[in-house]
Amino acid sequence: MHPFFKSFHYAFKGIRHGIQTERNLRLHVLAVIVVTIAGVFTSLSATEWCIILILFGGMIALEMINSAIERTVDLITKEIHPVAGQAKDLSSGAVLIFAIISAIIGLIIFIPKWF
């Protein structure tokens, strides 16, 4: 297999592994499905869909990066170490910030259309 196509194989393998093993990633995928259905029934504009898609991609990607950081920290040290905990807390904090901002943006887009 050509190295270019191998990189796609590994990327899809990582996505599949993340969905199979990460509960939070599965919750984000479920949110993507629910928001997509709501968006179809709400008749979002092309611009609103672009914003929503950017949020979907950012959330899923950030959750996968968080999982990679957590696994890397766990691989490096099995002992409880303050710096290891900080690395994991920082990456999960980044996910939380993006999730909160995504939810706020979603409300800004959807609420005026519903009420």
N, C-alpha and C. Protein backbone atom coordinates (compact mmCIF):
# COMPACT_ATOMS: atom_id res chain seq x y z
N MET A 1 0.85 -1.18 0.00
CA MET A 1 0.00 0.00 0.00
C MET A 1 0.90 1.25 0.00
N HIS A 2 0.55 2.22 -0.79
CA HIS A 2 1.30 3.48 -0.87
C HIS A 2 1.25 4.20 0.47
N PRO A 3 2.37 4.80 0.90
CA PRO A 3 2.40 5.49 2.21
C PRO A 3 1.29 6.52 2.39
N PHE A 4 0.92 7.21 1.31
CA PHE A 4 -0.15 8.20 1.39
C PHE A 4 -1.45 7.55 1.84
N PHE A 5 -1.78 6.41 1.24
CA PHE A 5 -3.02 5.72 1.59
C PHE A 5 -2.90 5.02 2.94
N LYS A 6 -1.68 4.61 3.30
CA LYS A 6 -1.47 4.01 4.62
C LYS A 6 -1.81 5.00 5.73
N SER A 7 -1.48 6.28 5.51
CA SER A 7 -1.77 7.29 6.53
C SER A 7 -3.28 7.41 6.76
N PHE A 8 -4.07 7.30 5.70
CA PHE A 8 -5.53 7.31 5.86
C PHE A 8 -6.00 6.07 6.60
N HIS A 9 -5.39 4.94 6.29
CA HIS A 9 -5.75 3.68 6.98
C HIS A 9 -5.53 3.83 8.49
N TYR A 10 -4.38 4.37 8.87
CA TYR A 10 -4.08 4.54 10.29
C TYR A 10 -5.01 5.57 10.94
N ALA A 11 -5.32 6.62 10.21
CA ALA A 11 -6.22 7.65 10.75
C ALA A 11 -7.61 7.06 11.01
N PHE A 12 -8.14 6.32 10.04
CA PHE A 12 -9.46 5.71 10.24
C PHE A 12 -9.42 4.65 11.34
N LYS A 13 -8.29 3.96 11.45
CA LYS A 13 -8.11 2.99 12.54
C LYS A 13 -8.19 3.70 13.89
N GLY A 14 -7.56 4.89 13.98
CA GLY A 14 -7.60 5.66 15.22
C GLY A 14 -9.01 6.15 15.54
N ILE A 15 -9.74 6.60 14.53
CA ILE A 15 -11.12 7.04 14.75
C ILE A 15 -11.97 5.88 15.24
N ARG A 16 -11.85 4.74 14.57
CA ARG A 16 -12.63 3.56 14.98
C ARG A 16 -12.28 3.14 16.41
N HIS A 17 -10.98 3.13 16.72
CA HIS A 17 -10.56 2.76 18.08
C HIS A 17 -11.11 3.74 19.12
N GLY A 18 -11.06 5.02 18.81
CA GLY A 18 -11.58 6.03 19.74
C GLY A 18 -13.06 5.83 20.01
N ILE A 19 -13.82 5.61 18.96
CA ILE A 19 -15.27 5.42 19.12
C ILE A 19 -15.56 4.14 19.91
N GLN A 20 -14.77 3.11 19.67
CA GLN A 20 -14.99 1.83 20.37
C GLN A 20 -14.59 1.89 21.85
N THR A 21 -13.62 2.72 22.19
CA THR A 21 -13.06 2.64 23.54
C THR A 21 -13.32 3.86 24.42
N GLU A 22 -13.70 4.98 23.84
CA GLU A 22 -13.84 6.21 24.61
C GLU A 22 -15.31 6.60 24.78
N ARG A 23 -15.81 6.48 26.00
CA ARG A 23 -17.21 6.79 26.30
C ARG A 23 -17.54 8.23 25.92
N ASN A 24 -16.67 9.17 26.29
CA ASN A 24 -16.96 10.58 25.99
C ASN A 24 -17.00 10.85 24.49
N LEU A 25 -16.15 10.17 23.74
CA LEU A 25 -16.18 10.33 22.29
C LEU A 25 -17.49 9.81 21.72
N ARG A 26 -17.97 8.69 22.25
CA ARG A 26 -19.28 8.17 21.80
C ARG A 26 -20.40 9.15 22.15
N LEU A 27 -20.32 9.80 23.29
CA LEU A 27 -21.33 10.81 23.65
C LEU A 27 -21.28 11.99 22.69
N HIS A 28 -20.08 12.39 22.28
CA HIS A 28 -19.96 13.49 21.32
C HIS A 28 -20.51 13.08 19.96
N VAL A 29 -20.26 11.85 19.56
CA VAL A 29 -20.82 11.37 18.28
C VAL A 29 -22.34 11.34 18.36
N LEU A 30 -22.89 10.93 19.48
CA LEU A 30 -24.34 10.95 19.67
C LEU A 30 -24.86 12.39 19.58
N ALA A 31 -24.14 13.33 20.18
CA ALA A 31 -24.54 14.74 20.10
C ALA A 31 -24.51 15.23 18.65
N VAL A 32 -23.51 14.79 17.89
CA VAL A 32 -23.44 15.15 16.46
C VAL A 32 -24.69 14.66 15.74
N ILE A 33 -25.11 13.44 16.02
CA ILE A 33 -26.29 12.87 15.37
C ILE A 33 -27.54 13.65 15.76
N VAL A 34 -27.71 13.92 17.05
CA VAL A 34 -28.90 14.64 17.54
C VAL A 34 -28.95 16.05 16.95
N VAL A 35 -27.82 16.77 16.98
CA VAL A 35 -27.79 18.13 16.46
C VAL A 35 -28.02 18.14 14.95
N THR A 36 -27.50 17.14 14.25
CA THR A 36 -27.72 17.05 12.80
C THR A 36 -29.20 16.87 12.50
N ILE A 37 -29.86 16.00 13.24
CA ILE A 37 -31.31 15.80 13.05
C ILE A 37 -32.06 17.09 13.36
N ALA A 38 -31.70 17.74 14.46
CA ALA A 38 -32.34 19.01 14.82
C ALA A 38 -32.09 20.06 13.74
N GLY A 39 -30.88 20.07 13.19
CA GLY A 39 -30.55 21.03 12.14
C GLY A 39 -31.34 20.82 10.87
N VAL A 40 -31.57 19.56 10.53
CA VAL A 40 -32.37 19.25 9.33
C VAL A 40 -33.80 19.74 9.52
N PHE A 41 -34.37 19.48 10.68
CA PHE A 41 -35.75 19.89 10.94
C PHE A 41 -35.87 21.40 11.17
N THR A 42 -34.77 22.06 11.51
CA THR A 42 -34.79 23.49 11.76
C THR A 42 -34.48 24.29 10.49
N SER A 43 -34.06 23.61 9.44
CA SER A 43 -33.71 24.26 8.17
C SER A 43 -32.63 25.31 8.36
N LEU A 44 -31.48 24.87 8.82
CA LEU A 44 -30.35 25.78 9.00
C LEU A 44 -29.86 26.29 7.66
N SER A 45 -29.31 27.50 7.68
CA SER A 45 -28.72 28.08 6.46
C SER A 45 -27.37 27.41 6.19
N ALA A 46 -26.82 27.65 5.01
CA ALA A 46 -25.51 27.09 4.67
C ALA A 46 -24.45 27.59 5.65
N THR A 47 -24.51 28.85 6.00
CA THR A 47 -23.54 29.42 6.94
C THR A 47 -23.67 28.76 8.32
N GLU A 48 -24.90 28.57 8.76
CA GLU A 48 -25.12 27.92 10.07
C GLU A 48 -24.61 26.48 10.04
N TRP A 49 -24.82 25.77 8.92
CA TRP A 49 -24.31 24.41 8.80
C TRP A 49 -22.78 24.41 8.85
N CYS A 50 -22.16 25.38 8.20
CA CYS A 50 -20.70 25.45 8.22
C CYS A 50 -20.19 25.64 9.65
N ILE A 51 -20.85 26.51 10.39
CA ILE A 51 -20.46 26.74 11.79
C ILE A 51 -20.64 25.45 12.59
N ILE A 52 -21.77 24.81 12.44
CA ILE A 52 -22.06 23.56 13.16
C ILE A 52 -21.03 22.48 12.80
N LEU A 53 -20.69 22.36 11.53
CA LEU A 53 -19.71 21.35 11.10
C LEU A 53 -18.33 21.62 11.67
N ILE A 54 -17.95 22.89 11.74
CA ILE A 54 -16.66 23.24 12.36
C ILE A 54 -16.68 22.84 13.84
N LEU A 55 -17.79 23.10 14.51
CA LEU A 55 -17.90 22.71 15.92
C LEU A 55 -17.85 21.20 16.08
N PHE A 56 -18.56 20.46 15.19
CA PHE A 56 -18.51 18.99 15.24
C PHE A 56 -17.08 18.50 15.12
N GLY A 57 -16.40 18.96 14.06
CA GLY A 57 -15.03 18.50 13.82
C GLY A 57 -14.09 18.87 14.94
N GLY A 58 -14.22 20.10 15.44
CA GLY A 58 -13.36 20.54 16.54
C GLY A 58 -13.57 19.72 17.80
N MET A 59 -14.83 19.43 18.10
CA MET A 59 -15.14 18.69 19.32
C MET A 59 -14.62 17.26 19.26
N ILE A 60 -14.88 16.60 18.14
CA ILE A 60 -14.43 15.20 17.98
C ILE A 60 -12.90 15.15 17.98
N ALA A 61 -12.26 16.05 17.23
CA ALA A 61 -10.80 16.06 17.16
C ALA A 61 -10.18 16.36 18.53
N LEU A 62 -10.74 17.33 19.24
CA LEU A 62 -10.19 17.70 20.55
C LEU A 62 -10.36 16.55 21.55
N GLU A 63 -11.47 15.86 21.49
CA GLU A 63 -11.68 14.71 22.38
C GLU A 63 -10.67 13.61 22.07
N MET A 64 -10.38 13.40 20.79
CA MET A 64 -9.39 12.38 20.43
C MET A 64 -7.99 12.79 20.87
N ILE A 65 -7.65 14.08 20.74
CA ILE A 65 -6.35 14.56 21.21
C ILE A 65 -6.24 14.39 22.73
N ASN A 66 -7.32 14.70 23.44
CA ASN A 66 -7.35 14.51 24.89
C ASN A 66 -7.08 13.05 25.25
N SER A 67 -7.73 12.14 24.54
CA SER A 67 -7.53 10.71 24.81
C SER A 67 -6.08 10.31 24.52
N ALA A 68 -5.50 10.84 23.44
CA ALA A 68 -4.12 10.53 23.11
C ALA A 68 -3.17 11.04 24.20
N ILE A 69 -3.43 12.24 24.70
CA ILE A 69 -2.59 12.80 25.77
C ILE A 69 -2.71 11.93 27.03
N GLU A 70 -3.92 11.54 27.38
CA GLU A 70 -4.10 10.71 28.57
C GLU A 70 -3.39 9.38 28.44
N ARG A 71 -3.47 8.77 27.26
CA ARG A 71 -2.80 7.49 27.05
C ARG A 71 -1.28 7.66 27.10
N THR A 72 -0.78 8.74 26.52
CA THR A 72 0.66 8.98 26.52
C THR A 72 1.18 9.17 27.95
N VAL A 73 0.45 9.95 28.73
CA VAL A 73 0.83 10.16 30.14
C VAL A 73 0.81 8.83 30.88
N ASP A 74 -0.23 8.03 30.66
CA ASP A 74 -0.31 6.73 31.33
C ASP A 74 0.82 5.79 30.91
N LEU A 75 1.26 5.91 29.65
CA LEU A 75 2.35 5.09 29.16
C LEU A 75 3.68 5.49 29.81
N ILE A 76 3.86 6.79 29.99
CA ILE A 76 5.12 7.30 30.53
C ILE A 76 5.26 6.98 32.02
N THR A 77 4.17 7.11 32.77
CA THR A 77 4.26 6.86 34.21
C THR A 77 2.97 6.23 34.73
N LYS A 78 3.15 5.21 35.55
CA LYS A 78 2.00 4.57 36.19
C LYS A 78 1.76 5.14 37.59
N GLU A 79 2.77 5.83 38.10
CA GLU A 79 2.62 6.39 39.44
C GLU A 79 1.85 7.71 39.37
N ILE A 80 1.22 8.04 40.47
CA ILE A 80 0.50 9.30 40.55
C ILE A 80 1.52 10.42 40.73
N HIS A 81 1.57 11.30 39.74
CA HIS A 81 2.53 12.40 39.76
C HIS A 81 1.78 13.68 39.46
N PRO A 82 2.04 14.75 40.22
CA PRO A 82 1.29 15.99 40.03
C PRO A 82 1.36 16.54 38.59
N VAL A 83 2.52 16.46 37.95
CA VAL A 83 2.66 16.99 36.60
C VAL A 83 1.87 16.14 35.60
N ALA A 84 1.87 14.83 35.81
CA ALA A 84 1.08 13.94 34.94
C ALA A 84 -0.41 14.27 35.09
N GLY A 85 -0.83 14.47 36.31
CA GLY A 85 -2.22 14.84 36.56
C GLY A 85 -2.57 16.19 35.94
N GLN A 86 -1.64 17.12 36.01
CA GLN A 86 -1.88 18.44 35.42
C GLN A 86 -2.03 18.35 33.90
N ALA A 87 -1.20 17.53 33.26
CA ALA A 87 -1.29 17.36 31.81
C ALA A 87 -2.66 16.80 31.42
N LYS A 88 -3.11 15.81 32.17
CA LYS A 88 -4.42 15.21 31.89
C LYS A 88 -5.55 16.20 32.18
N ASP A 89 -5.43 16.93 33.28
CA ASP A 89 -6.46 17.92 33.64
C ASP A 89 -6.53 19.05 32.62
N LEU A 90 -5.37 19.50 32.16
CA LEU A 90 -5.34 20.58 31.16
C LEU A 90 -6.01 20.14 29.86
N SER A 91 -5.71 18.92 29.41
CA SER A 91 -6.30 18.48 28.15
C SER A 91 -7.80 18.25 28.30
N SER A 92 -8.24 17.74 29.42
CA SER A 92 -9.69 17.57 29.60
C SER A 92 -10.37 18.92 29.81
N GLY A 93 -9.66 19.87 30.41
CA GLY A 93 -10.20 21.22 30.55
C GLY A 93 -10.40 21.89 29.20
N ALA A 94 -9.48 21.65 28.28
CA ALA A 94 -9.62 22.19 26.92
C ALA A 94 -10.88 21.64 26.25
N VAL A 95 -11.12 20.36 26.43
CA VAL A 95 -12.33 19.75 25.87
C VAL A 95 -13.58 20.38 26.48
N LEU A 96 -13.57 20.57 27.78
CA LEU A 96 -14.72 21.17 28.46
C LEU A 96 -14.99 22.58 27.96
N ILE A 97 -13.95 23.38 27.82
CA ILE A 97 -14.13 24.75 27.32
C ILE A 97 -14.75 24.73 25.93
N PHE A 98 -14.23 23.89 25.04
CA PHE A 98 -14.77 23.83 23.68
C PHE A 98 -16.21 23.33 23.69
N ALA A 99 -16.52 22.37 24.56
CA ALA A 99 -17.89 21.85 24.64
C ALA A 99 -18.86 22.94 25.11
N ILE A 100 -18.47 23.71 26.11
CA ILE A 100 -19.33 24.78 26.62
C ILE A 100 -19.55 25.84 25.54
N ILE A 101 -18.47 26.27 24.89
CA ILE A 101 -18.60 27.28 23.83
C ILE A 101 -19.44 26.73 22.67
N SER A 102 -19.26 25.47 22.33
CA SER A 102 -20.06 24.86 21.26
C SER A 102 -21.54 24.86 21.61
N ALA A 103 -21.85 24.53 22.85
CA ALA A 103 -23.25 24.51 23.29
C ALA A 103 -23.84 25.92 23.23
N ILE A 104 -23.07 26.91 23.66
CA ILE A 104 -23.56 28.30 23.60
C ILE A 104 -23.82 28.73 22.15
N ILE A 105 -22.87 28.41 21.26
CA ILE A 105 -23.06 28.74 19.85
C ILE A 105 -24.29 28.02 19.29
N GLY A 106 -24.46 26.75 19.67
CA GLY A 106 -25.64 26.00 19.24
C GLY A 106 -26.92 26.67 19.69
N LEU A 107 -26.96 27.13 20.93
CA LEU A 107 -28.15 27.82 21.43
C LEU A 107 -28.39 29.13 20.68
N ILE A 108 -27.31 29.85 20.38
CA ILE A 108 -27.45 31.10 19.62
C ILE A 108 -28.04 30.82 18.23
N ILE A 109 -27.65 29.70 17.64
CA ILE A 109 -28.18 29.37 16.30
C ILE A 109 -29.61 28.84 16.37
N PHE A 110 -29.89 27.94 17.31
CA PHE A 110 -31.18 27.24 17.31
C PHE A 110 -32.31 28.01 17.99
N ILE A 111 -32.06 28.65 19.12
CA ILE A 111 -33.15 29.26 19.89
C ILE A 111 -33.96 30.28 19.08
N PRO A 112 -33.34 31.20 18.35
CA PRO A 112 -34.16 32.15 17.57
C PRO A 112 -35.03 31.46 16.52
N LYS A 113 -34.61 30.34 16.02
CA LYS A 113 -35.39 29.63 15.00
C LYS A 113 -36.56 28.87 15.63
N TRP A 114 -36.43 28.51 16.88
CA TRP A 114 -37.48 27.73 17.56
C TRP A 114 -38.53 28.63 18.22
N PHE A 115 -38.15 29.87 18.58
CA PHE A 115 -39.08 30.71 19.33
C PHE A 115 -39.40 31.99 18.63
